[in-house]
PDB file of N, CA and C in Angstrom:
ATOM      1  N   MET A   1      79.075 133.791 184.621  1.00  0.00           N
ATOM      2  CA  MET A   1      79.274 132.793 183.323  1.00  0.00           C
ATOM      3  C   MET A   1      80.502 131.273 183.460  1.00  0.00           C
ATOM      4  N   THR A   2      79.868 130.089 183.055  1.00  0.00           N
ATOM      5  CA  THR A   2      80.173 128.813 183.389  1.00  0.00           C
ATOM      6  C   THR A   2      80.750 128.383 181.999  1.00  0.00           C
ATOM      7  N   ASP A   3      81.653 127.374 182.720  1.00  0.00           N
ATOM      8  CA  ASP A   3      83.350 127.417 181.476  1.00  0.00           C
ATOM      9  C   ASP A   3      82.223 127.030 179.778  1.00  0.00           C
ATOM     10  N   THR A   4      81.320 126.480 179.531  1.00  0.00           N
ATOM     11  CA  THR A   4      80.631 126.015 178.636  1.00  0.00           C
ATOM     12  C   THR A   4      80.139 127.600 177.502  1.00  0.00           C
ATOM     13  N   GLU A   5      79.746 128.238 178.863  1.00  0.00           N
ATOM     14  CA  GLU A   5      79.329 129.873 178.028  1.00  0.00           C
ATOM     15  C   GLU A   5      80.523 130.198 177.882  1.00  0.00           C
ATOM     16  N   ILE A   6      81.889 130.497 178.504  1.00  0.00           N
ATOM     17  CA  ILE A   6      82.708 131.318 178.044  1.00  0.00           C
ATOM     18  C   ILE A   6      83.624 130.260 177.007  1.00  0.00           C
ATOM     19  N   SER A   7      83.246 128.901 176.653  1.00  0.00           N
ATOM     20  CA  SER A   7      83.550 128.341 175.251  1.00  0.00           C
ATOM     21  C   SER A   7      82.651 128.776 174.073  1.00  0.00           C
ATOM     22  N   ASP A   8      81.729 128.784 174.325  1.00  0.00           N
ATOM     23  CA  ASP A   8      81.233 129.219 173.344  1.00  0.00           C
ATOM     24  C   ASP A   8      80.964 130.914 172.878  1.00  0.00           C
ATOM     25  N   LYS A   9      81.253 131.270 173.679  1.00  0.00           N
ATOM     26  CA  LYS A   9      81.491 132.919 173.487  1.00  0.00           C
ATOM     27  C   LYS A   9      82.705 133.123 172.664  1.00  0.00           C
ATOM     28  N   ILE A  10      83.918 132.691 173.287  1.00  0.00           N
ATOM     29  CA  ILE A  10      84.815 132.474 172.849  1.00  0.00           C
ATOM     30  C   ILE A  10      84.646 131.737 171.060  1.00  0.00           C
ATOM     31  N   LEU A  11      84.569 130.868 171.241  1.00  0.00           N
ATOM     32  CA  LEU A  11      83.828 129.834 169.769  1.00  0.00           C
ATOM     33  C   LEU A  11      83.104 130.811 168.417  1.00  0.00           C
ATOM     34  N   LYS A  12      82.271 131.712 169.006  1.00  0.00           N
ATOM     35  CA  LYS A  12      81.406 132.544 168.404  1.00  0.00           C
ATOM     36  C   LYS A  12      82.258 133.627 168.060  1.00  0.00           C
ATOM     37  N   CYS A  13      83.253 134.146 168.784  1.00  0.00           N
ATOM     38  CA  CYS A  13      84.205 135.368 168.629  1.00  0.00           C
ATOM     39  C   CYS A  13      85.064 134.753 167.265  1.00  0.00           C
ATOM     40  N   ARG A  14      85.499 133.677 167.566  1.00  0.00           N
ATOM     41  CA  ARG A  14      86.891 133.229 166.251  1.00  0.00           C
ATOM     42  C   ARG A  14      86.091 133.483 165.179  1.00  0.00           C
ATOM     43  N   GLN A  15      85.007 132.577 164.998  1.00  0.00           N
ATOM     44  CA  GLN A  15      84.153 132.138 163.732  1.00  0.00           C
ATOM     45  C   GLN A  15      83.679 133.538 163.641  1.00  0.00           C
ATOM     46  N   PHE A  16      83.410 134.589 164.119  1.00  0.00           N
ATOM     47  CA  PHE A  16      82.774 135.990 163.702  1.00  0.00           C
ATOM     48  C   PHE A  16      83.591 136.392 162.527  1.00  0.00           C
ATOM     49  N   LEU A  17      85.420 136.206 163.688  1.00  0.00           N
ATOM     50  CA  LEU A  17      86.488 137.242 162.841  1.00  0.00           C
ATOM     51  C   LEU A  17      86.959 136.359 161.712  1.00  0.00           C
ATOM     52  N   LEU A  18      86.813 134.821 161.665  1.00  0.00           N
ATOM     53  CA  LEU A  18      87.361 134.163 160.707  1.00  0.00           C
ATOM     54  C   LEU A  18      86.108 134.784 159.494  1.00  0.00           C
ATOM     55  N   ILE A  19      84.740 134.264 159.489  1.00  0.00           N
ATOM     56  CA  ILE A  19      84.300 134.580 158.357  1.00  0.00           C
ATOM     57  C   ILE A  19      84.240 135.971 157.657  1.00  0.00           C
ATOM     58  N   HIS A  20      84.380 136.518 158.652  1.00  0.00           N
ATOM     59  CA  HIS A  20      84.398 138.349 158.072  1.00  0.00           C
ATOM     60  C   HIS A  20      85.869 138.656 157.389  1.00  0.00           C
ATOM     61  N   ASN A  21      86.865 137.859 157.930  1.00  0.00           N
ATOM     62  CA  ASN A  21      88.019 138.038 157.502  1.00  0.00           C
ATOM     63  C   ASN A  21      88.169 137.784 156.121  1.00  0.00           C
ATOM     64  N   TYR A  22      87.498 136.448 155.967  1.00  0.00           N
ATOM     65  CA  TYR A  22      87.647 135.685 154.428  1.00  0.00           C
ATOM     66  C   TYR A  22      86.394 136.509 153.599  1.00  0.00           C
ATOM     67  N   ILE A  23      85.457 137.148 154.036  1.00  0.00           N
ATOM     68  CA  ILE A  23      84.859 137.485 153.040  1.00  0.00           C
ATOM     69  C   ILE A  23      85.336 138.907 152.511  1.00  0.00           C
ATOM     70  N   PHE A  24      85.717 140.020 153.851  1.00  0.00           N
ATOM     71  CA  PHE A  24      86.862 141.050 153.489  1.00  0.00           C
ATOM     72  C   PHE A  24      87.645 141.228 152.210  1.00  0.00           C
ATOM     73  N   HIS A  25      88.668 140.052 152.665  1.00  0.00           N
ATOM     74  CA  HIS A  25      90.322 139.413 151.862  1.00  0.00           C
ATOM     75  C   HIS A  25      89.552 138.550 150.181  1.00  0.00           C
ATOM     76  N   ILE A  26      88.544 137.860 150.416  1.00  0.00           N
ATOM     77  CA  ILE A  26      88.202 137.065 148.914  1.00  0.00           C
ATOM     78  C   ILE A  26      87.060 137.513 148.247  1.00  0.00           C
ATOM     79  N   GLU A  27      86.142 138.070 149.377  1.00  0.00           N
ATOM     80  CA  GLU A  27      84.921 138.597 148.358  1.00  0.00           C
ATOM     81  C   GLU A  27      84.885 140.305 147.701  1.00  0.00           C
ATOM     82  N   ASN A  28      85.307 140.559 148.373  1.00  0.00           N
ATOM     83  CA  ASN A  28      86.086 142.436 148.660  1.00  0.00           C
ATOM     84  C   ASN A  28      84.754 142.788 148.878  1.00  0.00           C
ATOM     85  N   VAL A  29      84.372 142.568 149.633  1.00  0.00           N
ATOM     86  CA  VAL A  29      83.146 143.495 150.577  1.00  0.00           C
ATOM     87  C   VAL A  29      83.181 143.380 151.696  1.00  0.00           C
ATOM     88  N   ARG A  30      82.198 144.120 152.562  1.00  0.00           N
ATOM     89  CA  ARG A  30      81.772 144.154 154.329  1.00  0.00           C
ATOM     90  C   ARG A  30      80.463 143.768 154.422  1.00  0.00           C
ATOM     91  N   VAL A  31      80.235 142.925 155.569  1.00  0.00           N
ATOM     92  CA  VAL A  31      79.031 142.759 155.953  1.00  0.00           C
ATOM     93  C   VAL A  31      78.844 143.179 157.132  1.00  0.00           C
ATOM     94  N   CYS A  32      79.928 144.044 157.841  1.00  0.00           N
ATOM     95  CA  CYS A  32      79.733 144.554 158.786  1.00  0.00           C
ATOM     96  C   CYS A  32      80.826 146.075 159.236  1.00  0.00           C
ATOM     97  N   LYS A  33      80.840 146.452 160.505  1.00  0.00           N
ATOM     98  CA  LYS A  33      80.744 147.715 160.634  1.00  0.00           C
ATOM     99  C   LYS A  33      81.979 147.701 160.926  1.00  0.00           C
ATOM    100  N   ASP A  34      83.639 148.141 160.835  1.00  0.00           N
ATOM    101  CA  ASP A  34      84.713 148.251 161.717  1.00  0.00           C
ATOM    102  C   ASP A  34      84.342 148.258 162.985  1.00  0.00           C
ATOM    103  N   GLU A  35      83.592 148.752 163.541  1.00  0.00           N
ATOM    104  CA  GLU A  35      83.522 149.082 164.912  1.00  0.00           C
ATOM    105  C   GLU A  35      82.601 147.868 165.731  1.00  0.00           C
ATOM    106  N   VAL A  36      81.988 146.939 164.405  1.00  0.00           N
ATOM    107  CA  VAL A  36      81.393 145.720 165.569  1.00  0.00           C
ATOM    108  C   VAL A  36      82.660 144.149 164.992  1.00  0.00           C
ATOM    109  N   TYR A  37      83.040 144.496 164.076  1.00  0.00           N
ATOM    110  CA  TYR A  37      84.443 143.681 163.853  1.00  0.00           C
ATOM    111  C   TYR A  37      85.807 144.137 165.085  1.00  0.00           C
ATOM    112  N   ASP A  38      85.833 145.273 165.236  1.00  0.00           N
ATOM    113  CA  ASP A  38      86.838 145.722 166.044  1.00  0.00           C
ATOM    114  C   ASP A  38      86.114 145.077 167.885  1.00  0.00           C
ATOM    115  N   ARG A  39      84.901 145.241 168.004  1.00  0.00           N
ATOM    116  CA  ARG A  39      84.453 145.342 169.386  1.00  0.00           C
ATOM    117  C   ARG A  39      84.534 143.561 169.756  1.00  0.00           C
ATOM    118  N   MET A  40      83.775 142.763 168.654  1.00  0.00           N
ATOM    119  CA  MET A  40      84.308 140.908 168.484  1.00  0.00           C
ATOM    120  C   MET A  40      85.227 140.760 168.517  1.00  0.00           C
ATOM    121  N   SER A  41      86.719 141.224 168.120  1.00  0.00           N
ATOM    122  CA  SER A  41      88.160 141.598 168.194  1.00  0.00           C
ATOM    123  C   SER A  41      88.628 141.832 169.955  1.00  0.00           C
ATOM    124  N   GLU A  42      88.184 142.481 170.251  1.00  0.00           N
ATOM    125  CA  GLU A  42      88.431 143.312 171.874  1.00  0.00           C
ATOM    126  C   GLU A  42      87.572 142.055 172.578  1.00  0.00           C
ATOM    127  N   GLU A  43      86.287 141.705 172.554  1.00  0.00           N
ATOM    128  CA  GLU A  43      85.869 140.843 173.273  1.00  0.00           C
ATOM    129  C   GLU A  43      86.481 139.512 173.401  1.00  0.00           C
ATOM    130  N   LEU A  44      87.270 139.012 172.237  1.00  0.00           N
ATOM    131  CA  LEU A  44      87.953 137.370 172.429  1.00  0.00           C
ATOM    132  C   LEU A  44      89.106 138.225 172.944  1.00  0.00           C
ATOM    133  N   LYS A  45      89.854 138.660 172.642  1.00  0.00           N
ATOM    134  CA  LYS A  45      90.702 139.004 174.013  1.00  0.00           C
ATOM    135  C   LYS A  45      90.491 139.265 175.069  1.00  0.00           C
ATOM    136  N   ASP A  46      89.699 139.960 175.362  1.00  0.00           N
ATOM    137  CA  ASP A  46      89.254 139.443 177.034  1.00  0.00           C
ATOM    138  C   ASP A  46      89.187 138.245 177.244  1.00  0.00           C
ATOM    139  N   LEU A  47      88.074 137.933 176.541  1.00  0.00           N
ATOM    140  CA  LEU A  47      88.173 136.150 177.103  1.00  0.00           C
ATOM    141  C   LEU A  47      89.133 135.425 177.033  1.00  0.00           C
ATOM    142  N   GLN A  48      89.967 135.773 176.259  1.00  0.00           N
ATOM    143  CA  GLN A  48      90.794 134.874 176.467  1.00  0.00           C
ATOM    144  C   GLN A  48      92.050 135.130 177.245  1.00  0.00           C
ATOM    145  N   SER A  49      91.995 136.098 177.274  1.00  0.00           N
ATOM    146  CA  SER A  49      93.066 136.786 178.976  1.00  0.00           C
ATOM    147  C   SER A  49      92.707 136.241 179.892  1.00  0.00           C
ATOM    148  N   LYS A  50      91.375 136.486 180.245  1.00  0.00           N
ATOM    149  CA  LYS A  50      90.702 136.020 181.549  1.00  0.00           C
ATOM    150  C   LYS A  50      90.644 134.861 181.640  1.00  0.00           C
ATOM    151  N   TYR A  51      90.387 133.671 181.083  1.00  0.00           N
ATOM    152  CA  TYR A  51      90.363 132.524 180.873  1.00  0.00           C
ATOM    153  C   TYR A  51      91.194 131.746 179.455  1.00  0.00           C
ATOM    154  N   PRO A  52      92.335 131.842 179.410  1.00  0.00           N
ATOM    155  CA  PRO A  52      93.706 131.183 179.130  1.00  0.00           C
ATOM    156  C   PRO A  52      93.294 129.696 178.761  1.00  0.00           C
ATOM    157  N   ASP A  53      92.705 129.404 180.191  1.00  0.00           N
ATOM    158  CA  ASP A  53      93.098 127.000 179.933  1.00  0.00           C
ATOM    159  C   ASP A  53      91.732 127.032 179.045  1.00  0.00           C
ATOM    160  N   ILE A  54      90.569 127.805 179.528  1.00  0.00           N
ATOM    161  CA  ILE A  54      89.243 127.448 178.448  1.00  0.00           C
ATOM    162  C   ILE A  54      89.872 127.704 177.046  1.00  0.00           C
ATOM    163  N   ALA A  55      90.012 129.327 176.611  1.00  0.00           N
ATOM    164  CA  ALA A  55      90.501 129.260 175.598  1.00  0.00           C
ATOM    165  C   ALA A  55      91.328 128.576 174.761  1.00  0.00           C
ATOM    166  N   ASN A  56      92.367 127.506 175.465  1.00  0.00           N
ATOM    167  CA  ASN A  56      93.234 126.688 174.733  1.00  0.00           C
ATOM    168  C   ASN A  56      92.564 125.412 174.520  1.00  0.00           C
ATOM    169  N   THR A  57      91.166 125.364 174.751  1.00  0.00           N
ATOM    170  CA  THR A  57      90.480 124.026 174.437  1.00  0.00           C
ATOM    171  C   THR A  57      89.688 124.501 173.373  1.00  0.00           C
ATOM    172  N   VAL A  58      89.056 125.496 173.201  1.00  0.00           N
ATOM    173  CA  VAL A  58      88.693 125.568 171.952  1.00  0.00           C
ATOM    174  C   VAL A  58      88.725 125.834 170.418  1.00  0.00           C
ATOM    175  N   GLN A  59      88.063 125.005 169.542  1.00  0.00           N
ATOM    176  CA  GLN A  59      88.691 125.099 168.250  1.00  0.00           C
ATOM    177  C   GLN A  59      89.045 126.386 167.385  1.00  0.00           C
ATOM    178  N   TYR A  60      89.694 126.641 166.545  1.00  0.00           N
ATOM    179  CA  TYR A  60      90.754 127.398 166.157  1.00  0.00           C
ATOM    180  C   TYR A  60      91.593 128.015 167.520  1.00  0.00           C
ATOM    181  N   ALA A  61      92.057 127.625 168.364  1.00  0.00           N
ATOM    182  CA  ALA A  61      93.023 128.280 169.200  1.00  0.00           C
ATOM    183  C   ALA A  61      94.613 128.351 168.700  1.00  0.00           C
ATOM    184  N   ASP A  62      94.624 127.072 167.831  1.00  0.00           N
ATOM    185  CA  ASP A  62      95.910 127.890 167.619  1.00  0.00           C
ATOM    186  C   ASP A  62      96.190 129.199 167.037  1.00  0.00           C
ATOM    187  N   ILE A  63      95.085 129.388 165.813  1.00  0.00           N
ATOM    188  CA  ILE A  63      95.263 130.409 164.694  1.00  0.00           C
ATOM    189  C   ILE A  63      94.910 131.592 165.524  1.00  0.00           C
ATOM    190  N   PHE A  64      94.236 131.599 167.066  1.00  0.00           N
ATOM    191  CA  PHE A  64      94.116 132.942 167.715  1.00  0.00           C
ATOM    192  C   PHE A  64      94.704 132.963 169.005  1.00  0.00           C
ATOM    193  N   LYS A  65      95.908 132.058 168.762  1.00  0.00           N
ATOM    194  CA  LYS A  65      97.075 132.545 169.696  1.00  0.00           C
ATOM    195  C   LYS A  65      98.032 133.902 170.063  1.00  0.00           C
ATOM    196  N   ASP A  66      97.724 134.256 171.139  1.00  0.00           N
ATOM    197  CA  ASP A  66      98.449 135.278 171.406  1.00  0.00           C
ATOM    198  C   ASP A  66      97.549 136.741 170.648  1.00  0.00           C
ATOM    199  N   TRP A  67      96.543 136.309 170.535  1.00  0.00           N
ATOM    200  CA  TRP A  67      95.542 137.311 169.693  1.00  0.00           C
ATOM    201  C   TRP A  67      95.471 138.799 170.111  1.00  0.00           C
ATOM    202  N   VAL A  68      95.882 139.535 169.804  1.00  0.00           N
ATOM    203  CA  VAL A  68      96.067 141.208 170.016  1.00  0.00           C
ATOM    204  C   VAL A  68      95.458 141.983 169.120  1.00  0.00           C
ATOM    205  N   ASN A  69      95.502 141.703 167.994  1.00  0.00           N
ATOM    206  CA  ASN A  69      93.906 143.338 167.166  1.00  0.00           C
ATOM    207  C   ASN A  69      93.899 142.461 165.752  1.00  0.00           C
ATOM    208  N   TYR A  70      93.224 143.126 165.438  1.00  0.00           N
ATOM    209  CA  TYR A  70      92.556 142.479 163.899  1.00  0.00           C
ATOM    210  C   TYR A  70      93.439 142.602 162.648  1.00  0.00           C
ATOM    211  N   ASN A  71      94.849 142.885 163.117  1.00  0.00           N
ATOM    212  CA  ASN A  71      95.727 142.933 162.470  1.00  0.00           C
ATOM    213  C   ASN A  71      96.536 141.770 162.070  1.00  0.00           C
ATOM    214  N   LYS A  72      96.593 140.996 162.652  1.00  0.00           N
ATOM    215  CA  LYS A  72      96.978 138.993 162.512  1.00  0.00           C
ATOM    216  C   LYS A  72      96.386 138.932 161.556  1.00  0.00           C
ATOM    217  N   LYS A  73      97.270 138.440 160.292  1.00  0.00           N
ATOM    218  CA  LYS A  73      96.669 137.613 158.986  1.00  0.00           C
ATOM    219  C   LYS A  73      95.974 136.262 159.645  1.00  0.00           C
ATOM    220  N   LEU A  74      94.656 135.943 159.458  1.00  0.00           N
ATOM    221  CA  LEU A  74      94.074 135.035 159.311  1.00  0.00           C
ATOM    222  C   LEU A  74      94.162 134.707 158.379  1.00  0.00           C
ATOM    223  N   PRO A  75      93.903 132.816 158.434  1.00  0.00           N
ATOM    224  CA  PRO A  75      93.747 131.769 157.112  1.00  0.00           C
ATOM    225  C   PRO A  75      92.548 132.180 156.280  1.00  0.00           C
ATOM    226  N   LEU A  76      92.393 131.882 155.338  1.00  0.00           N
ATOM    227  CA  LEU A  76      91.645 131.838 154.599  1.00  0.00           C
ATOM    228  C   LEU A  76      90.755 130.460 153.655  1.00  0.00           C
ATOM    229  N   ASP A  77      91.458 129.563 154.525  1.00  0.00           N
ATOM    230  CA  ASP A  77      91.358 128.081 153.450  1.00  0.00           C
ATOM    231  C   ASP A  77      90.054 127.217 154.611  1.00  0.00           C
ATOM    232  N   ASP A  78      89.834 127.819 155.197  1.00  0.00           N
ATOM    233  CA  ASP A  78      89.301 126.226 156.081  1.00  0.00           C
ATOM    234  C   ASP A  78      87.396 126.324 155.593  1.00  0.00           C
ATOM    235  N   ASP A  79      87.212 124.951 155.524  1.00  0.00           N
ATOM    236  CA  ASP A  79      86.031 125.034 154.920  1.00  0.00           C
ATOM    237  C   ASP A  79      84.724 125.537 155.400  1.00  0.00           C
ATOM    238  N   TRP A  80      84.965 125.347 156.602  1.00  0.00           N
ATOM    239  CA  TRP A  80      83.837 125.503 157.195  1.00  0.00           C
ATOM    240  C   TRP A  80      83.131 126.878 157.118  1.00  0.00           C
ATOM    241  N   VAL A  81      84.591 127.562 157.622  1.00  0.00           N
ATOM    242  CA  VAL A  81      84.654 129.327 157.178  1.00  0.00           C
ATOM    243  C   VAL A  81      84.266 129.845 155.872  1.00  0.00           C
ATOM    244  N   ILE A  82      84.938 128.964 154.914  1.00  0.00           N
ATOM    245  CA  ILE A  82      84.602 129.441 153.096  1.00  0.00           C
ATOM    246  C   ILE A  82      82.531 129.213 153.322  1.00  0.00           C
ATOM    247  N   ARG A  83      82.318 127.932 153.619  1.00  0.00           N
ATOM    248  CA  ARG A  83      80.880 127.912 153.553  1.00  0.00           C
ATOM    249  C   ARG A  83      79.993 128.925 153.995  1.00  0.00           C
ATOM    250  N   LYS A  84      80.175 129.330 155.151  1.00  0.00           N
ATOM    251  CA  LYS A  84      79.598 130.513 156.287  1.00  0.00           C
ATOM    252  C   LYS A  84      79.615 131.244 155.837  1.00  0.00           C
ATOM    253  N   ALA A  85      80.347 131.817 154.959  1.00  0.00           N
ATOM    254  CA  ALA A  85      81.218 132.943 154.816  1.00  0.00           C
ATOM    255  C   ALA A  85      80.205 133.148 153.436  1.00  0.00           C
ATOM    256  N   ILE A  86      80.469 132.073 152.432  1.00  0.00           N
ATOM    257  CA  ILE A  86      79.082 132.277 150.930  1.00  0.00           C
ATOM    258  C   ILE A  86      78.039 132.462 151.238  1.00  0.00           C
ATOM    259  N   PHE A  87      77.701 131.747 152.730  1.00  0.00           N
ATOM    260  CA  PHE A  87      75.665 131.408 153.110  1.00  0.00           C
ATOM    261  C   PHE A  87      75.892 133.415 153.294  1.00  0.00           C
ATOM    262  N   VAL A  88      76.728 133.741 154.103  1.00  0.00           N
ATOM    263  CA  VAL A  88      76.177 135.272 154.680  1.00  0.00           C
ATOM    264  C   VAL A  88      76.268 135.987 154.103  1.00  0.00           C
ATOM    265  N   CYS A  89      77.108 135.614 152.420  1.00  0.00           N
ATOM    266  CA  CYS A  89      77.180 136.844 151.234  1.00  0.00           C
ATOM    267  C   CYS A  89      75.834 136.407 150.555  1.00  0.00           C
ATOM    268  N   SER A  90      75.731 135.445 150.449  1.00  0.00           N
ATOM    269  CA  SER A  90      73.946 134.877 149.635  1.00  0.00           C
ATOM    270  C   SER A  90      72.760 135.733 150.418  1.00  0.00           C
ATOM    271  N   GLN A  91      73.433 135.971 151.720  1.00  0.00           N
ATOM    272  CA  GLN A  91      72.218 136.971 152.425  1.00  0.00           C
ATOM    273  C   GLN A  91      72.261 138.446 152.175  1.00  0.00           C
ATOM    274  N   CYS A  92      73.230 138.979 151.808  1.00  0.00           N
ATOM    275  CA  CYS A  92      73.315 140.343 151.787  1.00  0.00           C
ATOM    276  C   CYS A  92      73.104 140.796 150.214  1.00  0.00           C
ATOM    277  N   ILE A  93      73.060 142.257 150.296  1.00  0.00           N
ATOM    278  CA  ILE A  93      73.278 142.901 148.967  1.00  0.00           C
ATOM    279  C   ILE A  93      74.633 143.123 148.604  1.00  0.00           C
ATOM    280  N   LYS A  94      75.166 142.603 147.846  1.00  0.00           N
ATOM    281  CA  LYS A  94      76.843 142.800 147.381  1.00  0.00           C
ATOM    282  C   LYS A  94      76.949 144.769 146.803  1.00  0.00           C
ATOM    283  N   ILE A  95      78.217 145.002 147.422  1.00  0.00           N
ATOM    284  CA  ILE A  95      78.267 146.420 146.724  1.00  0.00           C
ATOM    285  C   ILE A  95      80.049 146.176 147.129  1.00  0.00           C
ATOM    286  N   PRO A  96      80.534 145.865 145.981  1.00  0.00           N
ATOM    287  CA  PRO A  96      82.389 146.086 146.114  1.00  0.00           C
ATOM    288  C   PRO A  96      82.968 147.163 146.505  1.00  0.00           C
ATOM    289  N   ILE A  97      83.777 146.874 147.453  1.00  0.00           N
ATOM    290  CA  ILE A  97      84.166 148.533 148.007  1.00  0.00           C
ATOM    291  C   ILE A  97      85.075 149.292 147.012  1.00  0.00           C
ATOM    292  N   ASN A  98      85.362 148.077 146.055  1.00  0.00           N
ATOM    293  CA  ASN A  98      86.579 149.536 144.899  1.00  0.00           C
ATOM    294  C   ASN A  98      85.131 149.915 144.283  1.00  0.00           C
ATOM    295  N   ASP A  99      83.819 149.755 144.411  1.00  0.00           N
ATOM    296  CA  ASP A  99      83.017 150.611 143.332  1.00  0.00           C
ATOM    297  C   ASP A  99      82.539 151.835 144.212  1.00  0.00           C
ATOM    298  N   VAL A 100      82.753 152.147 145.426  1.00  0.00           N
ATOM    299  CA  VAL A 100      82.807 153.227 146.142  1.00  0.00           C
ATOM    300  C   VAL A 100      83.186 154.401 145.805  1.00  0.00           C
ATOM    301  N   GLN A 101      83.290 155.535 145.163  1.00  0.00           N
ATOM    302  CA  GLN A 101      83.412 156.405 144.997  1.00  0.00           C
ATOM    303  C   GLN A 101      83.537 157.517 146.216  1.00  0.00           C
ATOM    304  N   GLN A 102      83.488 157.668 146.754  1.00  0.00           N
ATOM    305  CA  GLN A 102      82.839 158.881 147.805  1.00  0.00           C
ATOM    306  C   GLN A 102      84.190 158.742 149.065  1.00  0.00           C
ATOM    307  N   ASP A 103      85.337 159.056 148.754  1.00  0.00           N
ATOM    308  CA  ASP A 103      86.321 159.359 149.691  1.00  0.00           C
ATOM    309  C   ASP A 103      86.519 157.960 149.934  1.00  0.00           C
ATOM    310  N   LYS A 104      86.667 156.499 149.359  1.00  0.00           N
ATOM    311  CA  LYS A 104      86.899 155.665 149.302  1.00  0.00           C
ATOM    312  C   LYS A 104      86.377 154.962 150.751  1.00  0.00           C
ATOM    313  N   GLU A 105      84.950 155.145 151.366  1.00  0.00           N
ATOM    314  CA  GLU A 105      84.354 155.056 152.519  1.00  0.00           C
ATOM    315  C   GLU A 105      84.156 153.959 152.118  1.00  0.00           C
ATOM    316  N   GLU A 106      84.247 152.896 153.671  1.00  0.00           N
ATOM    317  CA  GLU A 106      83.773 151.532 153.333  1.00  0.00           C
ATOM    318  C   GLU A 106      82.359 151.691 153.596  1.00  0.00           C
ATOM    319  N   VAL A 107      82.110 149.892 152.421  1.00  0.00           N
ATOM    320  CA  VAL A 107      81.024 150.132 152.385  1.00  0.00           C
ATOM    321  C   VAL A 107      80.523 148.770 153.050  1.00  0.00           C
ATOM    322  N   VAL A 108      78.900 148.743 153.774  1.00  0.00           N
ATOM    323  CA  VAL A 108      78.335 148.147 154.313  1.00  0.00           C
ATOM    324  C   VAL A 108      77.988 147.165 153.406  1.00  0.00           C
ATOM    325  N   LYS A 109      77.741 145.759 153.233  1.00  0.00           N
ATOM    326  CA  LYS A 109      76.515 145.730 152.684  1.00  0.00           C
ATOM    327  C   LYS A 109      75.207 145.351 153.621  1.00  0.00           C
ATOM    328  N   MET A 110      73.858 145.469 153.177  1.00  0.00           N
ATOM    329  CA  MET A 110      72.912 145.557 154.182  1.00  0.00           C
ATOM    330  C   MET A 110      72.229 144.088 153.899  1.00  0.00           C
ATOM    331  N   PRO A 111      72.206 143.140 154.928  1.00  0.00           N
ATOM    332  CA  PRO A 111      71.512 141.386 155.418  1.00  0.00           C
ATOM    333  C   PRO A 111      69.907 142.332 153.977  1.00  0.00           C
ATOM    334  N   VAL A 112      69.898 141.018 153.311  1.00  0.00           N
ATOM    335  CA  VAL A 112      68.091 141.171 152.840  1.00  0.00           C
ATOM    336  C   VAL A 112      67.185 140.575 153.554  1.00  0.00           C
ATOM    337  N   LYS A 113      67.264 139.710 154.512  1.00  0.00           N
ATOM    338  CA  LYS A 113      66.761 139.151 154.852  1.00  0.00           C
ATOM    339  C   LYS A 113      66.706 139.585 156.635  1.00  0.00           C
ATOM    340  N   THR A 114      65.399 139.687 156.979  1.00  0.00           N
ATOM    341  CA  THR A 114      65.931 140.111 158.843  1.00  0.00           C
ATOM    342  C   THR A 114      65.415 138.656 159.740  1.00  0.00           C
ATOM    343  N   GLY A 115      66.031 138.903 160.879  1.00  0.00           N
ATOM    344  CA  GLY A 115      65.434 137.800 161.855  1.00  0.00           C
ATOM    345  C   GLY A 115      66.597 136.751 161.852  1.00  0.00           C
ATOM    346  N   GLY A 116      66.442 136.151 162.664  1.00  0.00           N
ATOM    347  CA  GLY A 116      67.922 135.164 162.979  1.00  0.00           C
ATOM    348  C   GLY A 116      69.177 134.911 162.778  1.00  0.00           C
ATOM    349  N   ALA A 117      69.974 134.511 163.143  1.00  0.00           N
ATOM    350  CA  ALA A 117      71.230 134.584 163.136  1.00  0.00           C
ATOM    351  C   ALA A 117      71.723 134.072 161.643  1.00  0.00           C
ATOM    352  N   LEU A 118      72.797 134.806 161.031  1.00  0.00           N
ATOM    353  CA  LEU A 118      73.395 134.636 159.693  1.00  0.00           C
ATOM    354  C   LEU A 118      74.088 132.833 160.058  1.00  0.00           C
ATOM    355  N   PHE A 119      74.691 132.860 160.729  1.00  0.00           N
ATOM    356  CA  PHE A 119      75.875 131.943 161.088  1.00  0.00           C
ATOM    357  C   PHE A 119      75.728 131.272 162.751  1.00  0.00           C
TER     358      PHE A 119
END
């Protein structure tokens, strides 16, 4: 993998985590399963530990410094993240987590449109 490919993967992981963190905490819904979020979190952790010099040059480096897991509080006020989160939500059927009565199972919003990346 080239340095550019590594940078791109790190940025994609960070953006994904920021967007889905915003959607969960502000919109009160899920658009991905916990396993997907956890996998992206682990991938970011691995990339940052293997390539710390590259990771430090990628956007949001300060936010994800010493990233261990998804329990770290992420900021909810980044304009780009907010716009992307709103777009992702607009492409999905919203089912508020609080509306679920089946043993508090997590709800996953299903994309309305198929094909193409959401961000």
